[in-house]
Amino acid sequence: VQLVESGGGLVQPGGSLRLSCAASGFTFSNYAMSWYRQAPGKERELVAGFTSGGGSTNYADSVKGRFTISRDNAKNTVYLQMNSLNSEDTAVYFCKASRGPRGYWGQGTQVTVSS
């Protein structure tokens, strides 16, 4: 099982980034996919996610209206479009695949929002 995040980097406040998470080694369409983030000195928190059926999404209040999660089952990839970024969004972003008690994590990608 492998989850590989990409797309992070340094962006100015107000800017945008699109994160990708490429999955392999499991049946992607059967898993709920989500994005988490962890800022220095803080706990890891859920940013956005799909339910296991993939029919609905949920977002942290802090990112609602700015971030959009999407998935392409044909490409085994989940995305996180992040707009109107601010300094509070600075963190390492992780994707997670979940199905029942099983959960797989990627290594994370750094997002830094700074002028």
C-alpha atoms as a PDB file:
ATOM      1  CA  VAL A   1       0.000   0.000   0.000  1.00  0.00           C
ATOM      2  CA  GLN A   2       1.329   3.389  -0.933  1.00  0.00           C
ATOM      3  CA  LEU A   3      -0.035   6.900  -0.691  1.00  0.00           C
ATOM      4  CA  VAL A   4       2.124   9.624  -2.191  1.00  0.00           C
ATOM      5  CA  GLU A   5       1.224  13.270  -1.683  1.00  0.00           C
ATOM      6  CA  SER A   6       2.496  16.043  -3.922  1.00  0.00           C
ATOM      7  CA  GLY A   7       1.784  19.652  -4.758  1.00  0.00           C
ATOM      8  CA  GLY A   8       2.855  21.339  -1.564  1.00  0.00           C
ATOM      9  CA  GLY A   9       5.164  24.309  -1.416  1.00  0.00           C
ATOM     10  CA  LEU A  10       5.518  27.946  -0.488  1.00  0.00           C
ATOM     11  CA  VAL A  11       2.639  30.245  -1.420  1.00  0.00           C
ATOM     12  CA  GLN A  12       1.769  33.834  -0.580  1.00  0.00           C
ATOM     13  CA  PRO A  13      -1.314  34.670   1.490  1.00  0.00           C
ATOM     14  CA  GLY A  14      -4.368  34.666  -0.720  1.00  0.00           C
ATOM     15  CA  GLY A  15      -2.805  32.197  -3.117  1.00  0.00           C
ATOM     16  CA  SER A  16      -3.835  28.700  -4.153  1.00  0.00           C
ATOM     17  CA  LEU A  17      -2.370  25.235  -4.255  1.00  0.00           C
ATOM     18  CA  ARG A  18      -3.647  21.888  -5.449  1.00  0.00           C
ATOM     19  CA  LEU A  19      -2.491  18.832  -3.556  1.00  0.00           C
ATOM     20  CA  SER A  20      -2.592  15.354  -5.051  1.00  0.00           C
ATOM     21  CA  CYS A  21      -2.429  11.961  -3.403  1.00  0.00           C
ATOM     22  CA  ALA A  22      -1.685   9.008  -5.653  1.00  0.00           C
ATOM     23  CA  ALA A  23      -2.709   5.640  -4.232  1.00  0.00           C
ATOM     24  CA  SER A  24      -1.605   2.124  -5.060  1.00  0.00           C
ATOM     25  CA  GLY A  25      -1.732  -1.337  -3.573  1.00  0.00           C
ATOM     26  CA  PHE A  26      -5.417  -1.430  -2.662  1.00  0.00           C
ATOM     27  CA  THR A  27      -8.821  -1.024  -4.297  1.00  0.00           C
ATOM     28  CA  PHE A  28      -9.002   2.743  -4.219  1.00  0.00           C
ATOM     29  CA  SER A  29     -12.703   3.065  -4.992  1.00  0.00           C
ATOM     30  CA  ASN A  30     -13.594   0.995  -1.904  1.00  0.00           C
ATOM     31  CA  TYR A  31     -11.917   3.369   0.502  1.00  0.00           C
ATOM     32  CA  ALA A  32     -12.948   6.633   2.071  1.00  0.00           C
ATOM     33  CA  MET A  33     -10.293   9.212   1.304  1.00  0.00           C
ATOM     34  CA  SER A  34      -9.496  12.241   3.392  1.00  0.00           C
ATOM     35  CA  TRP A  35      -6.958  14.975   3.950  1.00  0.00           C
ATOM     36  CA  TYR A  36      -5.495  15.843   7.338  1.00  0.00           C
ATOM     37  CA  ARG A  37      -2.961  18.436   8.380  1.00  0.00           C
ATOM     38  CA  GLN A  38      -0.601  18.935  11.257  1.00  0.00           C
ATOM     39  CA  ALA A  39       0.910  22.272  12.167  1.00  0.00           C
ATOM     40  CA  PRO A  40       3.988  22.557  14.399  1.00  0.00           C
ATOM     41  CA  GLY A  41       3.054  21.939  18.013  1.00  0.00           C
ATOM     42  CA  LYS A  42      -0.521  20.989  17.159  1.00  0.00           C
ATOM     43  CA  GLU A  43      -2.423  17.766  16.796  1.00  0.00           C
ATOM     44  CA  ARG A  44      -3.249  16.321  13.424  1.00  0.00           C
ATOM     45  CA  GLU A  45      -6.687  17.465  12.310  1.00  0.00           C
ATOM     46  CA  LEU A  46      -9.160  16.476   9.638  1.00  0.00           C
ATOM     47  CA  VAL A  47      -9.329  19.016   6.817  1.00  0.00           C
ATOM     48  CA  ALA A  48     -11.665  17.369   4.332  1.00  0.00           C
ATOM     49  CA  GLY A  49     -12.915  13.906   3.538  1.00  0.00           C
ATOM     50  CA  PHE A  50     -15.207  11.661   1.577  1.00  0.00           C
ATOM     51  CA  THR A  51     -17.493   9.199   3.237  1.00  0.00           C
ATOM     52  CA  SER A  52     -16.775   5.546   2.535  1.00  0.00           C
ATOM     53  CA  GLY A  53     -19.395   5.473  -0.184  1.00  0.00           C
ATOM     54  CA  GLY A  54     -17.863   8.541  -1.744  1.00  0.00           C
ATOM     55  CA  GLY A  55     -21.218  10.197  -2.037  1.00  0.00           C
ATOM     56  CA  SER A  56     -20.693  13.047   0.370  1.00  0.00           C
ATOM     57  CA  THR A  57     -17.933  15.195   1.760  1.00  0.00           C
ATOM     58  CA  ASN A  58     -17.176  16.954   4.994  1.00  0.00           C
ATOM     59  CA  TYR A  59     -14.876  19.851   5.782  1.00  0.00           C
ATOM     60  CA  ALA A  60     -13.344  21.462   8.819  1.00  0.00           C
ATOM     61  CA  ASP A  61     -15.080  24.727   9.601  1.00  0.00           C
ATOM     62  CA  SER A  62     -11.824  26.598   9.100  1.00  0.00           C
ATOM     63  CA  VAL A  63     -11.591  25.594   5.426  1.00  0.00           C
ATOM     64  CA  LYS A  64     -15.223  25.549   4.326  1.00  0.00           C
ATOM     65  CA  GLY A  65     -15.724  27.612   1.215  1.00  0.00           C
ATOM     66  CA  ARG A  66     -11.973  27.724   0.496  1.00  0.00           C
ATOM     67  CA  PHE A  67     -10.928  24.084   0.074  1.00  0.00           C
ATOM     68  CA  THR A  68     -12.435  21.429  -2.176  1.00  0.00           C
ATOM     69  CA  ILE A  69     -11.732  17.712  -2.047  1.00  0.00           C
ATOM     70  CA  SER A  70     -12.207  15.588  -5.138  1.00  0.00           C
ATOM     71  CA  ARG A  71     -11.229  12.136  -6.313  1.00  0.00           C
ATOM     72  CA  ASP A  72     -10.599  10.394  -9.607  1.00  0.00           C
ATOM     73  CA  ASN A  73     -11.133   6.666  -9.146  1.00  0.00           C
ATOM     74  CA  ALA A  74      -9.794   5.969 -12.641  1.00  0.00           C
ATOM     75  CA  LYS A  75      -6.474   7.533 -11.630  1.00  0.00           C
ATOM     76  CA  ASN A  76      -6.506   6.315  -8.018  1.00  0.00           C
ATOM     77  CA  THR A  77      -5.952   9.877  -6.933  1.00  0.00           C
ATOM     78  CA  VAL A  78      -7.536  12.259  -4.457  1.00  0.00           C
ATOM     79  CA  TYR A  79      -7.057  16.004  -4.687  1.00  0.00           C
ATOM     80  CA  LEU A  80      -7.330  18.991  -2.402  1.00  0.00           C
ATOM     81  CA  GLN A  81      -7.822  22.345  -4.065  1.00  0.00           C
ATOM     82  CA  MET A  82      -6.899  25.079  -1.609  1.00  0.00           C
ATOM     83  CA  ASN A  83      -7.819  28.690  -2.298  1.00  0.00           C
ATOM     84  CA  SER A  84      -7.498  31.909  -0.308  1.00  0.00           C
ATOM     85  CA  LEU A  85      -4.710  30.442   1.741  1.00  0.00           C
ATOM     86  CA  ASN A  86      -3.598  32.148   4.917  1.00  0.00           C
ATOM     87  CA  SER A  87      -0.842  31.622   7.450  1.00  0.00           C
ATOM     88  CA  GLU A  88      -3.065  29.403   9.585  1.00  0.00           C
ATOM     89  CA  ASP A  89      -3.088  26.874   6.750  1.00  0.00           C
ATOM     90  CA  THR A  90       0.653  26.299   7.113  1.00  0.00           C
ATOM     91  CA  ALA A  91       1.106  22.630   7.982  1.00  0.00           C
ATOM     92  CA  VAL A  92       2.129  19.244   6.708  1.00  0.00           C
ATOM     93  CA  TYR A  93      -0.790  17.804   4.769  1.00  0.00           C
ATOM     94  CA  PHE A  94      -1.444  14.058   4.792  1.00  0.00           C
ATOM     95  CA  CYS A  95      -3.877  11.935   2.883  1.00  0.00           C
ATOM     96  CA  LYS A  96      -5.530   8.938   4.482  1.00  0.00           C
ATOM     97  CA  ALA A  97      -7.349   5.938   3.078  1.00  0.00           C
ATOM     98  CA  SER A  98      -9.892   4.329   5.396  1.00  0.00           C
ATOM     99  CA  ARG A  99     -12.128   1.302   5.295  1.00  0.00           C
ATOM    100  CA  GLY A 100     -13.597   0.054   8.518  1.00  0.00           C
ATOM    101  CA  PRO A 101     -10.730  -0.468  10.980  1.00  0.00           C
ATOM    102  CA  ARG A 102      -8.088  -0.150   8.263  1.00  0.00           C
ATOM    103  CA  GLY A 103      -6.308   3.108   7.699  1.00  0.00           C
ATOM    104  CA  TYR A 104      -3.311   4.013   5.575  1.00  0.00           C
ATOM    105  CA  TRP A 105      -1.370   7.262   5.662  1.00  0.00           C
ATOM    106  CA  GLY A 106       0.891   9.023   3.239  1.00  0.00           C
ATOM    107  CA  GLN A 107       4.176  10.673   4.193  1.00  0.00           C
ATOM    108  CA  GLY A 108       2.806  14.181   3.906  1.00  0.00           C
ATOM    109  CA  THR A 109       3.577  17.293   1.913  1.00  0.00           C
ATOM    110  CA  GLN A 110       4.558  20.641   3.402  1.00  0.00           C
ATOM    111  CA  VAL A 111       2.416  23.690   2.740  1.00  0.00           C
ATOM    112  CA  THR A 112       3.812  27.028   3.857  1.00  0.00           C
ATOM    113  CA  VAL A 113       1.821  30.215   3.500  1.00  0.00           C
ATOM    114  CA  SER A 114       4.034  33.249   3.894  1.00  0.00           C
ATOM    115  CA  SER A 115       4.837  36.543   2.252  1.00  0.00           C
END
